[in-house]
């Protein structure tokens, strides 16, 4: 029985599904990539079904990858 991502409805051909929350059955399956995108768009770090709070890590970009809005700051570190 192939698992299907609850966000994109695709199988595990390109990426394995994970079960990051307390959901069960087919609602539990999600691609990590899809979940990351969903959380960014929703700006909420709880499962919309079981209300589990996802364990997330803040990742900061290197100063060299920050956009033009921070060009003065970036040049100060160059």
Protein backbone atom coordinates (compact mmCIF):
# COMPACT_ATOMS: atom_id res chain seq x y z
CA UNK A 1 0.00 0.00 0.00
CA UNK A 2 1.75 3.15 -1.25
CA UNK A 3 1.71 6.21 0.96
CA UNK A 4 0.44 9.49 -0.52
CA UNK A 5 1.33 13.00 0.67
CA UNK A 6 -1.72 14.74 2.17
CA UNK A 7 -0.58 18.09 0.72
CA UNK A 8 0.37 17.35 -2.91
CA UNK A 9 -1.39 13.97 -3.27
CA UNK A 10 1.74 12.47 -4.89
CA UNK A 11 3.29 9.17 -3.91
CA UNK A 12 6.80 8.38 -2.80
CA UNK A 13 8.38 8.22 -6.27
CA UNK A 14 10.70 11.20 -5.66
CA UNK A 15 10.59 11.65 -1.89
CA UNK A 16 9.59 9.38 0.99
CA UNK A 17 6.69 10.47 3.17
CA UNK A 18 7.23 11.25 6.84
CA UNK A 19 4.82 11.27 9.78
CA UNK A 20 5.73 14.46 11.68
CA UNK A 21 2.70 14.78 13.95
CA UNK A 22 0.08 12.76 15.85
CA UNK A 23 -2.21 12.19 12.86
CA UNK A 24 -2.96 8.61 11.90
CA UNK A 25 -3.89 6.79 8.73
CA UNK A 26 -3.45 8.53 5.39
CA UNK A 27 -3.63 11.96 7.08
CA UNK A 28 -0.25 11.29 8.70
CA UNK A 29 1.72 11.06 5.45
CA UNK A 30 3.47 14.13 4.09
CA UNK A 31 6.63 14.92 2.13
CA UNK A 32 9.04 16.97 4.28
CA UNK A 33 9.46 19.42 1.38
CA UNK A 34 5.68 19.92 1.05
CA UNK A 35 5.33 20.43 4.79
CA UNK A 36 8.08 23.08 4.85
CA UNK A 37 6.36 25.01 2.04
CA UNK A 38 2.96 24.66 3.73
CA UNK A 39 4.29 25.98 7.04
CA UNK A 40 5.92 28.97 5.33
CA UNK A 41 2.70 29.88 3.52
CA UNK A 42 0.43 29.31 6.53
CA UNK A 43 2.88 31.00 8.92
CA UNK A 44 1.64 28.55 11.55
CA UNK A 45 3.66 25.71 13.02
CA UNK A 46 0.80 23.49 14.19
CA UNK A 47 -0.79 20.60 12.33
CA UNK A 48 -4.14 21.80 11.01
CA UNK A 49 -5.67 18.39 11.80
CA UNK A 50 -4.31 17.25 15.19
CA UNK A 51 -2.93 20.63 16.41
CA UNK A 52 0.50 19.10 17.10
CA UNK A 53 3.20 21.79 17.33
CA UNK A 54 5.92 20.93 14.82
CA UNK A 55 9.50 20.97 16.04
CA UNK A 56 11.10 23.57 13.80
CA UNK A 57 14.55 25.08 13.57
CA UNK A 58 15.29 28.63 12.55
CA UNK A 59 17.80 28.71 9.72
CA UNK A 60 19.55 31.97 9.00
CA UNK A 61 20.96 32.71 5.56
CA UNK A 62 24.57 33.80 5.22
CA UNK A 63 24.95 37.56 4.90
CA UNK A 64 26.11 37.07 1.30
CA UNK A 65 22.66 35.65 0.41
CA UNK A 66 20.57 38.42 1.95
CA UNK A 67 18.61 40.53 -0.56
CA UNK A 68 19.27 44.06 -1.77
CA UNK A 69 17.30 45.56 1.13
CA UNK A 70 20.30 44.83 3.32
CA UNK A 71 23.07 45.90 0.95
CA UNK A 72 24.52 48.44 3.41
CA UNK A 73 24.71 45.81 6.13
CA UNK A 74 26.18 43.27 3.75
CA UNK A 75 28.96 45.64 2.63
CA UNK A 76 29.86 46.30 6.26
CA UNK A 77 30.71 42.60 6.66
CA UNK A 78 32.52 42.19 3.33
